[in-house]
């Protein structure tokens, strides 16, 4: 890439493997663009691709990306848009070859490069996939050498933006503030429509004001040489971009003030957001620090087998019915009990209900064991044999199956120099990418001063969500819940009211877990990290909401004494 005057316009066309197929065409035809990125990878996706590779060693990448390129590669070439995607998954070299074959078939002179070095599976015996999170300088090397398409394996989500920005503006590893600005822009873009009104806490207000949320457009960043940017979207696309939507995405799957990556540690406590016009939010003030001396490695392995059955309990005596079937199954499984047995009674029933569904509760049984037999035939037989011999009204949502494998995710850390980060160019040349030399061990940021408390006045018992927005997500076995408000007065109340103790009261599941609160005053936000609430990660399906996607909405539904002046 050669440096051009004006901002670098980087768009996103995928937030996950399975996102809207026609987003690539929409982004290429909807307006000006220099680079189009796509994020196809998540912790769970790496496990899925690992299982694909077991069946076919040539698999391991996001095949959807190839189908999108079949429709759009010529369009991107015609418009001069570079494409950068982590769709390579576990096999970036294989995907790069497939893209070259596609380009040849379409008669397009496209230079395809890829980035490798993240695959550390061989160094982690027993794992299905173990991959280091690489930074953006391998991508930058590919683009500087003229690549039209760059595919990667496991890089950080933000690297899809820092790489093109470093190539375009000529940034080096020491440009910490500029790189940090690009990291923040990349984090806002990475989940696609979540930055343009998707999954937004105040969606009902936006709908009432005439916003069309049925089909949100995808976001783009106008990135400047100094690392500042404007988040926007193509004209005429659905959804909207405002300080709230950008704040929500900034809080998604983050933790404290320091947002560490392989290229730079971005200080989220320095981020400033300003509405810059309709569907335009300016991000500036971002400061960066040297990255940590270690790289994160995501290790996925098969944890064993799981099975589940949901018993429907209808009408009267719900607790007694649940108690009876629990005792019966406990006795039936006593000879060979699964390694883990979990019962959850979900009281969805209502008294004097107008329908059978609303008169019913669900008793959910989940079992796990290293042996498929222990969770399969044994459970199936024990559960089904109760059909005529248990509580009145006995039935289940579906009979238990034979048991399915589940995955376990953990993150480990290695030295920055522990990978062979390489940019592999279209002509076969290999450019080594050196690790960061200027590194700083991460320390906790001292808690910032809180605002003066809101003056005492009358309060009303009401849901937190009438005042605060939230967004939550997963990182391995931990969940984060970001909570923000939209006025200074609301911040003066929230900062003092929503303590760790109050959070534990409102989210009883967190009562015995480590909960850390991170205030971010510039965003009027608090970010809570709940360690271990997701067990061994999303693939283990430890809880009802295994990725904690709705944990924030549960928190917003809880009632507190809220100052009437805020309601």
Protein backbone atom coordinates (compact mmCIF):
# COMPACT_ATOMS: atom_id res chain seq x y z
CA UNK A 1 0.00 0.00 0.00
CA UNK A 2 1.17 3.51 -0.74
CA UNK A 3 0.39 6.44 1.49
CA UNK A 4 -2.38 8.68 0.15
CA UNK A 5 -3.71 12.01 1.42
CA UNK A 6 -6.82 11.93 3.58
CA UNK A 7 -8.21 9.24 5.85
CA UNK A 8 -7.93 5.52 5.27
CA UNK A 9 -11.45 4.09 5.00
CA UNK A 10 -11.57 0.60 6.49
CA UNK A 11 -14.86 -1.30 6.52
CA UNK A 12 -16.03 -4.57 8.02
CA UNK A 13 -18.15 -7.22 6.30
CA UNK A 14 -18.21 -10.03 8.87
CA UNK A 15 -18.38 -10.20 12.65
CA UNK A 16 -18.37 -14.01 12.89
CA UNK A 17 -18.37 -17.18 10.79
CA UNK A 18 -21.99 -17.22 9.63
CA UNK A 19 -22.63 -13.48 9.45
CA UNK A 20 -24.76 -11.95 6.70
CA UNK A 21 -23.54 -13.35 3.39
CA UNK A 22 -24.31 -10.32 1.22
CA UNK A 23 -22.52 -7.86 3.53
CA UNK A 24 -19.36 -8.03 1.40
CA UNK A 25 -21.21 -6.89 -1.71
CA UNK A 26 -23.11 -4.26 0.28
CA UNK A 27 -19.87 -2.78 1.62
CA UNK A 28 -18.16 -2.81 -1.78
CA UNK A 29 -21.04 -1.09 -3.57
CA UNK A 30 -22.37 1.21 -0.83
CA UNK A 31 -19.72 3.90 -0.81
CA UNK A 32 -16.03 4.78 -0.72
CA UNK A 33 -13.72 2.18 0.78
CA UNK A 34 -9.97 1.45 0.75
CA UNK A 35 -9.82 -1.78 2.75
CA UNK A 36 -12.52 -4.31 3.56
CA UNK A 37 -11.97 -6.59 6.54
CA UNK A 38 -13.76 -9.69 7.77
CA UNK A 39 -13.59 -11.30 11.19
CA UNK A 40 -14.57 -14.98 11.00
CA UNK A 41 -12.91 -16.38 14.12
CA UNK A 42 -13.97 -16.84 17.73
CA UNK A 43 -12.91 -19.26 20.45
CA UNK A 44 -15.74 -21.61 19.50
CA UNK A 45 -14.99 -21.27 15.77
CA UNK A 46 -11.44 -22.50 16.26
CA UNK A 47 -12.82 -25.65 17.88
CA UNK A 48 -15.30 -26.16 15.03
CA UNK A 49 -12.56 -25.72 12.43
CA UNK A 50 -10.37 -28.12 14.39
CA UNK A 51 -13.03 -30.79 14.18
CA UNK A 52 -13.39 -30.07 10.44
CA UNK A 53 -9.67 -30.61 10.02
CA UNK A 54 -9.87 -33.99 11.74
CA UNK A 55 -12.19 -35.14 8.96
CA UNK A 56 -10.29 -33.41 6.14
CA UNK A 57 -6.67 -32.20 6.58
CA UNK A 58 -7.24 -29.74 3.73
CA UNK A 59 -10.08 -28.03 5.60
CA UNK A 60 -9.79 -25.69 8.56
CA UNK A 61 -10.76 -22.37 6.99
CA UNK A 62 -14.02 -20.42 6.57
CA UNK A 63 -15.51 -21.68 3.32
CA UNK A 64 -18.16 -18.93 3.35
CA UNK A 65 -15.40 -16.41 2.62
CA UNK A 66 -14.55 -18.20 -0.62
CA UNK A 67 -18.17 -18.13 -1.74
CA UNK A 68 -18.39 -14.43 -0.96
CA UNK A 69 -15.23 -13.79 -3.00
CA UNK A 70 -16.67 -15.70 -5.94
CA UNK A 71 -19.32 -12.99 -6.17
CA UNK A 72 -17.21 -10.01 -5.11
CA UNK A 73 -13.52 -10.47 -5.98
CA UNK A 74 -13.94 -8.83 -9.37
CA UNK A 75 -15.88 -5.98 -7.79
CA UNK A 76 -13.15 -5.39 -5.20
CA UNK A 77 -10.50 -5.44 -7.92
CA UNK A 78 -12.47 -2.99 -10.04
CA UNK A 79 -12.89 -0.55 -7.14
CA UNK A 80 -9.34 -0.87 -5.84
CA UNK A 81 -10.38 -2.24 -2.45
CA UNK A 82 -7.92 -4.46 -0.60
CA UNK A 83 -9.42 -7.38 1.35
CA UNK A 84 -8.01 -8.51 4.69
CA UNK A 85 -9.65 -11.39 6.58
CA UNK A 86 -8.77 -13.92 9.26
CA UNK A 87 -10.87 -16.51 7.43
CA UNK A 88 -7.77 -18.69 7.09
CA UNK A 89 -8.52 -20.08 10.53
CA UNK A 90 -6.36 -23.17 11.03
CA UNK A 91 -5.18 -23.28 7.40
CA UNK A 92 -4.35 -19.84 5.99
CA UNK A 93 -2.00 -21.29 3.35
CA UNK A 94 -4.78 -23.57 2.13
CA UNK A 95 -7.22 -20.68 1.88
CA UNK A 96 -4.67 -18.51 0.06
CA UNK A 97 -4.21 -21.28 -2.53
CA UNK A 98 -7.99 -21.62 -2.89
CA UNK A 99 -8.33 -17.86 -3.46
CA UNK A 100 -5.61 -17.98 -6.12
CA UNK A 101 -7.40 -20.83 -7.88
CA UNK A 102 -10.64 -18.85 -7.73
CA UNK A 103 -8.95 -15.75 -9.16
CA UNK A 104 -7.45 -17.80 -12.01
CA UNK A 105 -10.85 -19.30 -12.77
CA UNK A 106 -12.40 -15.83 -12.82
CA UNK A 107 -9.55 -14.44 -14.95
CA UNK A 108 -8.56 -11.85 -12.34
CA UNK A 109 -4.90 -10.84 -11.82
CA UNK A 110 -5.09 -10.82 -8.02
CA UNK A 111 -2.08 -10.99 -5.71
CA UNK A 112 -2.89 -13.16 -2.69
CA UNK A 113 -0.72 -13.31 0.42
CA UNK A 114 -1.14 -14.93 3.79
CA UNK A 115 0.21 -14.73 7.32
CA UNK A 116 1.34 -17.76 9.27
CA UNK A 117 3.14 -18.68 12.49
CA UNK A 118 0.22 -18.73 14.88
CA UNK A 119 -0.26 -22.53 14.84
CA UNK A 120 1.28 -24.00 17.99
CA UNK A 121 -0.84 -27.16 18.12
CA UNK A 122 2.20 -29.44 17.91
CA UNK A 123 3.60 -27.79 21.04
CA UNK A 124 0.44 -28.59 23.01
CA UNK A 125 -0.08 -32.38 22.93
CA UNK A 126 -3.71 -33.41 23.30
CA UNK A 127 -5.06 -30.15 21.93
CA UNK A 128 -7.29 -29.95 18.89
CA UNK A 129 -6.09 -26.46 18.03
CA UNK A 130 -3.61 -24.18 19.79
CA UNK A 131 -2.99 -20.81 18.19
CA UNK A 132 -1.19 -17.64 19.23
CA UNK A 133 -2.88 -14.29 18.73
CA UNK A 134 -0.59 -12.46 16.30
CA UNK A 135 -0.50 -8.73 15.68
CA UNK A 136 -0.93 -6.65 12.56
CA UNK A 137 2.61 -6.25 11.23
CA UNK A 138 2.49 -9.46 9.19
CA UNK A 139 -0.59 -8.09 7.44
CA UNK A 140 1.20 -4.78 6.96
CA UNK A 141 4.17 -6.52 5.32
CA UNK A 142 1.85 -8.28 2.84
CA UNK A 143 0.10 -5.05 1.91
CA UNK A 144 3.34 -3.10 1.54
CA UNK A 145 4.47 -5.71 -0.97
CA UNK A 146 1.37 -5.20 -3.08
CA UNK A 147 -1.08 -7.86 -1.91
CA UNK A 148 -4.69 -7.39 -3.01
CA UNK A 149 -6.02 -10.08 -0.65
CA UNK A 150 -4.47 -11.02 2.68
CA UNK A 151 -5.75 -14.01 4.64
CA UNK A 152 -4.58 -14.88 8.11
CA UNK A 153 -5.08 -17.46 10.79
CA UNK A 154 -5.45 -16.46 14.43
CA UNK A 155 -4.60 -12.79 14.74
CA UNK A 156 -6.17 -10.39 17.19
CA UNK A 157 -9.44 -8.99 15.89
CA UNK A 158 -7.98 -5.47 15.94
CA UNK A 159 -4.97 -6.59 13.86
CA UNK A 160 -7.25 -6.56 10.80
CA UNK A 161 -7.24 -2.77 11.19
CA UNK A 162 -3.81 -2.07 12.69
CA UNK A 163 -2.13 -3.95 9.83
CA UNK A 164 -3.64 -1.92 6.98
CA UNK A 165 -3.19 1.31 8.95
CA UNK A 166 0.49 0.62 9.65
CA UNK A 167 1.06 -0.19 5.97
CA UNK A 168 -0.82 2.88 4.74
CA UNK A 169 0.61 5.46 7.12
CA UNK A 170 4.08 3.98 7.54
CA UNK A 171 3.75 3.40 11.26
CA UNK A 172 6.39 1.41 13.08
CA UNK A 173 6.32 -0.64 16.29
CA UNK A 174 7.12 2.43 18.39
CA UNK A 175 4.10 4.45 17.25
CA UNK A 176 2.16 3.39 20.32
CA UNK A 177 -0.47 6.16 20.40
CA UNK A 178 -1.28 5.78 16.70
CA UNK A 179 -1.42 1.98 16.92
CA UNK A 180 -3.63 2.23 20.00
CA UNK A 181 -6.04 4.44 18.10
CA UNK A 182 -6.20 1.82 15.36
CA UNK A 183 -6.74 -0.93 17.96
CA UNK A 184 -9.73 0.95 19.35
CA UNK A 185 -11.10 1.46 15.83
CA UNK A 186 -10.55 -2.24 15.12
CA UNK A 187 -12.34 -3.28 18.29
CA UNK A 188 -15.35 -1.16 17.34
CA UNK A 189 -15.46 -2.64 13.82
CA UNK A 190 -14.74 -6.29 14.64
CA UNK A 191 -18.29 -7.36 15.52
CA UNK A 192 -19.93 -5.83 12.48
CA UNK A 193 -23.45 -4.57 13.07
CA UNK A 194 -22.99 -4.43 16.86
CA UNK A 195 -21.51 -0.97 16.22
CA UNK A 196 -24.45 0.16 14.08
CA UNK A 197 -27.39 -0.61 16.35
CA UNK A 198 -27.33 -4.40 16.46
CA UNK A 199 -27.87 -6.00 19.88
CA UNK A 200 -28.20 -2.49 21.34
CA UNK A 201 -29.62 -1.95 24.82
CA UNK A 202 -31.72 1.10 23.86
CA UNK A 203 -32.99 -0.32 20.57
CA UNK A 204 -36.60 0.57 21.44
CA UNK A 205 -35.72 4.27 21.77
CA UNK A 206 -33.97 4.17 18.41
CA UNK A 207 -36.99 2.52 16.79
CA UNK A 208 -39.32 5.15 18.23
CA UNK A 209 -37.12 7.87 16.76
CA UNK A 210 -37.48 6.38 13.28
CA UNK A 211 -34.29 4.33 13.04
CA UNK A 212 -34.62 1.20 10.92
CA UNK A 213 -33.09 -1.63 12.93
CA UNK A 214 -34.42 -4.49 10.82
CA UNK A 215 -31.20 -4.73 8.80
CA UNK A 216 -28.34 -2.68 10.28
CA UNK A 217 -25.56 -1.75 7.91
CA UNK A 218 -21.96 -2.66 8.61
CA UNK A 219 -19.52 -0.14 10.11
CA UNK A 220 -16.46 1.56 8.72
CA UNK A 221 -13.72 3.74 10.20
CA UNK A 222 -12.21 6.81 8.62
CA UNK A 223 -8.75 6.46 10.14
CA UNK A 224 -6.26 9.34 10.18
CA UNK A 225 -2.48 9.35 10.33
CA UNK A 226 -2.47 10.50 13.98
CA UNK A 227 -4.55 7.48 15.04
CA UNK A 228 -7.83 9.34 15.46
CA UNK A 229 -10.85 8.12 13.55
CA UNK A 230 -14.52 8.55 12.82
CA UNK A 231 -16.82 5.53 13.02
CA UNK A 232 -19.61 5.67 10.46
CA UNK A 233 -21.46 3.54 7.90
CA UNK A 234 -22.41 3.76 4.24
CA UNK A 235 -25.25 6.17 3.40
CA UNK A 236 -28.66 4.58 3.10
CA UNK A 237 -27.88 1.46 5.09
CA UNK A 238 -29.96 0.50 8.12
CA UNK A 239 -29.15 0.98 11.76
CA UNK A 240 -27.36 3.98 13.19
CA UNK A 241 -24.06 5.07 14.72
CA UNK A 242 -23.97 7.20 17.85
CA UNK A 243 -21.94 7.55 21.02
CA UNK A 244 -24.09 4.86 22.65
CA UNK A 245 -23.58 2.19 19.99
CA UNK A 246 -19.83 2.83 19.93
CA UNK A 247 -19.60 2.81 23.73
CA UNK A 248 -21.46 -0.51 23.85
CA UNK A 249 -19.04 -2.12 21.42
CA UNK A 250 -15.98 -0.69 23.18
CA UNK A 251 -17.12 -2.44 26.36
CA UNK A 252 -17.74 -5.78 24.62
CA UNK A 253 -15.32 -8.52 25.70
CA UNK A 254 -12.90 -6.07 27.30
CA UNK A 255 -11.87 -5.70 30.91
CA UNK A 256 -9.83 -2.94 32.52
CA UNK A 257 -8.20 0.26 31.40
CA UNK A 258 -5.35 -1.58 29.68
CA UNK A 259 -6.41 -3.45 26.54
CA UNK A 260 -3.33 -5.51 25.74
CA UNK A 261 -2.35 -6.87 22.34
CA UNK A 262 0.80 -8.07 20.58
CA UNK A 263 1.46 -4.69 18.92
CA UNK A 264 0.43 -2.23 21.63
CA UNK A 265 -1.49 -1.87 24.86
CA UNK A 266 -4.34 0.57 24.28
CA UNK A 267 -5.50 2.64 27.24
CA UNK A 268 -9.30 2.43 27.15
CA UNK A 269 -9.46 4.98 29.97
CA UNK A 270 -8.16 7.64 27.55
CA UNK A 271 -10.77 7.08 24.82
CA UNK A 272 -12.99 10.08 24.12
CA UNK A 273 -16.13 9.84 21.98
CA UNK A 274 -17.88 12.78 20.32
CA UNK A 275 -20.91 12.85 18.07
CA UNK A 276 -19.58 14.29 14.82
CA UNK A 277 -22.84 14.49 12.88
CA UNK A 278 -25.52 11.98 11.89
CA UNK A 279 -24.11 8.43 12.01
CA UNK A 280 -20.62 9.73 12.77
CA UNK A 281 -18.72 9.30 16.05
CA UNK A 282 -15.23 10.72 16.47
CA UNK A 283 -12.71 8.76 18.56
CA UNK A 284 -9.68 10.63 19.82
CA UNK A 285 -7.41 11.00 22.82
CA UNK A 286 -6.35 7.35 22.73
CA UNK A 287 -3.01 6.68 24.33
CA UNK A 288 -0.90 3.59 23.85
CA UNK A 289 1.84 1.80 25.74
CA UNK A 290 4.36 -0.85 24.76
CA UNK A 291 2.78 -4.30 24.50
CA UNK A 292 3.32 -6.97 27.14
CA UNK A 293 6.29 -9.35 26.74
CA UNK A 294 3.97 -12.33 26.18
CA UNK A 295 1.53 -13.53 23.55
CA UNK A 296 -1.81 -15.12 24.33
CA UNK A 297 -2.34 -18.65 22.99
CA UNK A 298 -5.86 -20.06 22.75
CA UNK A 299 -5.82 -23.82 23.38
CA UNK A 300 -8.88 -25.85 22.37
CA UNK A 301 -9.27 -29.51 23.27
CA UNK A 302 -12.07 -32.04 23.51
CA UNK A 303 -13.24 -32.25 27.10
CA UNK A 304 -15.46 -35.31 26.92
CA UNK A 305 -19.14 -35.90 26.17
CA UNK A 306 -22.31 -34.20 27.33
CA UNK A 307 -26.02 -34.88 27.18
CA UNK A 308 -29.09 -33.10 28.45
CA UNK A 309 -32.80 -33.52 28.92
CA UNK A 310 -35.42 -30.92 29.87
CA UNK A 311 -38.37 -32.22 31.90
CA UNK A 312 -41.59 -30.21 31.59
CA UNK A 313 -43.35 -29.68 34.93
CA UNK A 314 -46.88 -28.32 34.62
CA UNK A 315 -49.37 -26.82 37.05
CA UNK A 316 -49.28 -27.44 40.78
CA UNK A 317 -46.51 -28.76 43.06
CA UNK A 318 -43.63 -27.79 40.76
CA UNK A 319 -40.96 -28.13 43.45
CA UNK A 320 -42.26 -31.53 44.57
CA UNK A 321 -42.40 -32.82 40.99
CA UNK A 322 -38.82 -31.68 40.43
CA UNK A 323 -37.74 -33.36 43.64
CA UNK A 324 -39.33 -36.66 42.67
CA UNK A 325 -37.72 -36.94 39.24
CA UNK A 326 -34.33 -35.91 40.64
CA UNK A 327 -34.48 -38.66 43.23
CA UNK A 328 -35.60 -41.21 40.65
CA UNK A 329 -32.80 -40.39 38.20
CA UNK A 330 -30.19 -40.21 40.93
CA UNK A 331 -31.12 -43.75 41.97
CA UNK A 332 -31.20 -44.96 38.35
CA UNK A 333 -27.74 -43.59 37.60
CA UNK A 334 -26.18 -44.69 40.90
CA UNK A 335 -24.44 -47.74 39.42
CA UNK A 336 -22.44 -45.68 36.93
CA UNK A 337 -22.96 -41.98 37.68
CA UNK A 338 -21.59 -39.46 35.15
CA UNK A 339 -18.60 -37.42 36.29
CA UNK A 340 -20.66 -34.23 36.42
CA UNK A 341 -24.40 -33.87 36.97
CA UNK A 342 -26.12 -30.48 36.97
CA UNK A 343 -29.77 -29.72 37.64
CA UNK A 344 -31.45 -26.36 37.00
CA UNK A 345 -35.09 -25.62 37.71
CA UNK A 346 -36.33 -22.73 35.56
CA UNK A 347 -39.56 -21.33 36.95
CA UNK A 348 -41.27 -20.13 33.80
CA UNK A 349 -44.67 -21.13 35.22
CA UNK A 350 -47.40 -18.69 36.28
CA UNK A 351 -50.34 -19.26 38.64
CA UNK A 352 -53.78 -19.65 37.04
CA UNK A 353 -52.08 -19.55 33.63
CA UNK A 354 -54.14 -19.02 30.46
CA UNK A 355 -52.12 -21.59 28.47
CA UNK A 356 -50.37 -24.87 29.21
CA UNK A 357 -47.02 -23.42 28.20
CA UNK A 358 -47.27 -20.56 30.68
CA UNK A 359 -48.35 -23.03 33.38
CA UNK A 360 -45.14 -25.03 32.92
CA UNK A 361 -41.61 -24.92 34.33
CA UNK A 362 -38.49 -26.63 32.98
CA UNK A 363 -36.19 -28.91 34.94
CA UNK A 364 -32.95 -29.15 32.98
CA UNK A 365 -30.50 -31.97 33.55
CA UNK A 366 -26.99 -31.76 32.03
CA UNK A 367 -24.44 -34.54 32.43
CA UNK A 368 -20.79 -34.71 31.40
CA UNK A 369 -18.28 -37.53 31.40
CA UNK A 370 -15.13 -38.62 29.55
CA UNK A 371 -17.12 -41.64 28.33
CA UNK A 372 -19.87 -41.26 25.75
CA UNK A 373 -21.55 -44.37 27.16
CA UNK A 374 -21.92 -42.77 30.59
CA UNK A 375 -23.85 -39.79 29.23
CA UNK A 376 -25.60 -41.58 26.37
CA UNK A 377 -27.36 -44.89 26.69
CA UNK A 378 -27.32 -44.87 30.49
CA UNK A 379 -29.05 -41.49 30.72
CA UNK A 380 -31.43 -42.16 27.85
CA UNK A 381 -32.62 -45.41 29.34
CA UNK A 382 -33.02 -44.01 32.85
CA UNK A 383 -34.95 -40.93 31.68
CA UNK A 384 -37.28 -42.64 29.24
CA UNK A 385 -38.10 -45.49 31.63
CA UNK A 386 -39.75 -42.88 33.88
CA UNK A 387 -42.34 -41.99 31.25
CA UNK A 388 -45.16 -43.87 33.04
CA UNK A 389 -43.67 -43.97 36.51
CA UNK A 390 -42.91 -40.44 37.68
CA UNK A 391 -44.67 -37.13 38.34
CA UNK A 392 -48.14 -36.35 36.91
CA UNK A 393 -47.97 -34.84 33.44
CA UNK A 394 -44.51 -36.29 32.74
CA UNK A 395 -43.02 -35.31 29.40
CA UNK A 396 -39.76 -33.91 28.05
CA UNK A 397 -38.93 -31.35 25.37
CA UNK A 398 -36.94 -33.99 23.47
CA UNK A 399 -35.53 -37.38 24.38
CA UNK A 400 -31.83 -37.41 25.29
CA UNK A 401 -29.53 -38.53 22.50
CA UNK A 402 -26.37 -40.58 22.52
CA UNK A 403 -24.23 -37.76 23.87
CA UNK A 404 -22.12 -35.26 21.95
CA UNK A 405 -18.52 -34.16 22.36
CA UNK A 406 -17.85 -30.83 24.02
CA UNK A 407 -14.80 -28.62 23.93
CA UNK A 408 -12.68 -26.89 26.53
CA UNK A 409 -10.88 -23.58 26.00
CA UNK A 410 -7.99 -22.20 27.98
CA UNK A 411 -5.52 -19.43 27.37
CA UNK A 412 -1.83 -19.73 28.08
CA UNK A 413 0.98 -17.26 27.49
CA UNK A 414 4.33 -17.56 25.76
CA UNK A 415 7.17 -15.05 25.14
CA UNK A 416 6.66 -12.63 22.23
CA UNK A 417 9.49 -14.37 20.39
CA UNK A 418 7.92 -17.80 20.79
CA UNK A 419 6.32 -17.80 17.32
CA UNK A 420 7.67 -17.66 13.77
CA UNK A 421 5.48 -14.81 12.52
CA UNK A 422 5.86 -14.75 8.72
CA UNK A 423 4.26 -12.85 5.85
CA UNK A 424 4.06 -15.18 2.82
CA UNK A 425 3.77 -13.14 -0.37
CA UNK A 426 2.00 -13.89 -3.65
CA UNK A 427 5.33 -14.78 -5.30
CA UNK A 428 6.34 -17.18 -2.53
CA UNK A 429 8.75 -14.85 -0.73
CA UNK A 430 8.68 -15.09 3.04
CA UNK A 431 9.18 -12.01 5.19
CA UNK A 432 9.87 -12.69 8.88
CA UNK A 433 8.04 -10.37 11.25
CA UNK A 434 10.14 -9.64 14.35
CA UNK A 435 8.51 -9.64 17.78
CA UNK A 436 8.06 -6.42 19.71
CA UNK A 437 11.31 -5.43 21.42
CA UNK A 438 9.89 -2.63 23.52
CA UNK A 439 7.60 -4.38 26.00
CA UNK A 440 6.15 -3.58 29.41
CA UNK A 441 4.74 -6.02 31.95
CA UNK A 442 1.07 -5.28 32.56
CA UNK A 443 0.16 -3.69 35.86
CA UNK A 444 -3.20 -2.68 37.21
CA UNK A 445 -4.10 0.94 36.57
CA UNK A 446 -4.82 2.85 39.80
CA UNK A 447 -8.55 3.39 40.17
CA UNK A 448 -9.47 6.84 38.86
CA UNK A 449 -11.17 9.37 41.12
CA UNK A 450 -14.95 9.01 41.11
CA UNK A 451 -17.30 11.95 40.60
CA UNK A 452 -19.11 13.57 43.49
CA UNK A 453 -22.15 11.46 44.47
CA UNK A 454 -25.52 12.60 43.21
CA UNK A 455 -27.41 14.64 45.80
CA UNK A 456 -29.87 12.70 47.90
CA UNK A 457 -33.48 12.93 46.80
CA UNK A 458 -36.57 10.78 46.34
CA UNK A 459 -36.02 7.39 44.76
CA UNK A 460 -38.22 4.85 43.03
CA UNK A 461 -37.82 1.09 42.76
CA UNK A 462 -37.16 0.45 39.07
CA UNK A 463 -35.06 -1.63 36.67
CA UNK A 464 -31.45 -0.54 36.23
CA UNK A 465 -32.00 -0.63 32.46
CA UNK A 466 -34.21 2.45 32.56
CA UNK A 467 -31.03 4.40 33.25
CA UNK A 468 -28.11 2.24 32.08
CA UNK A 469 -27.16 0.29 29.00
CA UNK A 470 -25.10 -2.89 29.13
CA UNK A 471 -23.27 -5.31 26.89
CA UNK A 472 -21.73 -8.59 27.98
CA UNK A 473 -19.61 -11.34 26.48
CA UNK A 474 -17.13 -14.14 27.07
CA UNK A 475 -13.40 -14.62 27.27
CA UNK A 476 -12.72 -18.27 27.96
CA UNK A 477 -14.36 -19.14 31.26
CA UNK A 478 -14.79 -15.50 32.28
CA UNK A 479 -17.54 -13.06 31.40
CA UNK A 480 -17.49 -9.30 31.28
CA UNK A 481 -20.43 -6.97 31.76
CA UNK A 482 -19.95 -3.38 30.62
CA UNK A 483 -22.48 -0.92 32.01
CA UNK A 484 -22.75 2.69 30.83
CA UNK A 485 -25.00 5.71 31.26
CA UNK A 486 -25.68 8.71 29.07
CA UNK A 487 -25.53 11.72 31.37
CA UNK A 488 -23.16 13.12 33.98
CA UNK A 489 -25.81 12.94 36.70
CA UNK A 490 -26.46 9.28 35.93
CA UNK A 491 -22.72 8.62 36.08
CA UNK A 492 -22.51 10.31 39.49
CA UNK A 493 -25.14 7.86 40.71
CA UNK A 494 -23.93 4.71 38.92
CA UNK A 495 -20.27 5.09 39.94
CA UNK A 496 -21.22 4.96 43.62
CA UNK A 497 -24.26 2.67 43.48
CA UNK A 498 -23.08 -0.24 41.33
CA UNK A 499 -20.29 -1.57 43.51
CA UNK A 500 -18.96 -5.12 43.40
CA UNK A 501 -21.15 -6.01 46.38
CA UNK A 502 -24.24 -4.59 44.65
CA UNK A 503 -23.35 -6.44 41.45
CA UNK A 504 -23.15 -9.70 43.40
CA UNK A 505 -26.56 -9.02 44.95
CA UNK A 506 -28.09 -8.40 41.53
CA UNK A 507 -26.31 -11.36 39.84
CA UNK A 508 -26.42 -14.12 42.50
CA UNK A 509 -24.43 -16.50 40.26
CA UNK A 510 -21.40 -14.29 40.85
CA UNK A 511 -21.69 -14.42 44.63
CA UNK A 512 -18.84 -16.89 45.19
CA UNK A 513 -16.75 -15.87 42.20
CA UNK A 514 -14.07 -13.23 41.82
CA UNK A 515 -15.63 -10.03 40.47
CA UNK A 516 -13.45 -7.08 39.48
CA UNK A 517 -14.83 -3.62 38.73
CA UNK A 518 -13.05 -1.31 36.27
CA UNK A 519 -14.31 2.31 36.12
CA UNK A 520 -13.92 4.13 32.76
CA UNK A 521 -15.02 7.71 33.55
CA UNK A 522 -14.53 9.13 30.02
CA UNK A 523 -17.10 6.59 28.80
CA UNK A 524 -19.31 6.98 31.91
CA UNK A 525 -18.92 3.24 32.22
CA UNK A 526 -18.11 0.43 34.61
CA UNK A 527 -16.74 -2.86 33.32
CA UNK A 528 -17.17 -5.93 35.52
CA UNK A 529 -15.19 -9.14 34.97
CA UNK A 530 -16.67 -12.29 36.53
CA UNK A 531 -14.07 -15.04 36.66
CA UNK A 532 -15.12 -18.64 36.13
CA UNK A 533 -18.83 -18.05 35.54
CA UNK A 534 -18.58 -19.83 32.15
CA UNK A 535 -16.68 -22.85 33.43
CA UNK A 536 -14.25 -24.09 30.79
CA UNK A 537 -15.51 -21.80 28.04
CA UNK A 538 -18.36 -21.59 25.56
CA UNK A 539 -17.82 -25.02 24.01
CA UNK A 540 -18.29 -26.65 27.41
CA UNK A 541 -21.81 -25.11 27.62
CA UNK A 542 -21.47 -24.68 31.37
CA UNK A 543 -24.56 -22.50 31.82
CA UNK A 544 -27.86 -21.61 30.18
CA UNK A 545 -26.25 -18.67 28.34
CA UNK A 546 -22.80 -20.17 27.62
CA UNK A 547 -21.31 -17.01 26.06
CA UNK A 548 -22.86 -14.60 28.59
CA UNK A 549 -24.47 -12.72 25.72
CA UNK A 550 -27.52 -11.79 27.80
CA UNK A 551 -25.86 -11.44 31.20
CA UNK A 552 -25.93 -7.66 30.79
CA UNK A 553 -29.62 -7.68 29.94
CA UNK A 554 -30.35 -9.73 33.05
CA UNK A 555 -28.48 -7.12 35.08
CA UNK A 556 -30.49 -4.32 33.44
CA UNK A 557 -33.73 -6.06 34.40
CA UNK A 558 -32.86 -6.11 38.12
CA UNK A 559 -34.52 -3.51 40.35
CA UNK A 560 -32.77 -0.90 42.47
CA UNK A 561 -33.71 2.29 44.25
CA UNK A 562 -33.02 4.84 41.50
CA UNK A 563 -33.18 8.63 42.02
CA UNK A 564 -36.40 9.91 40.50
CA UNK A 565 -34.48 12.72 38.83
CA UNK A 566 -32.89 10.10 36.55
CA UNK A 567 -36.13 8.37 35.59
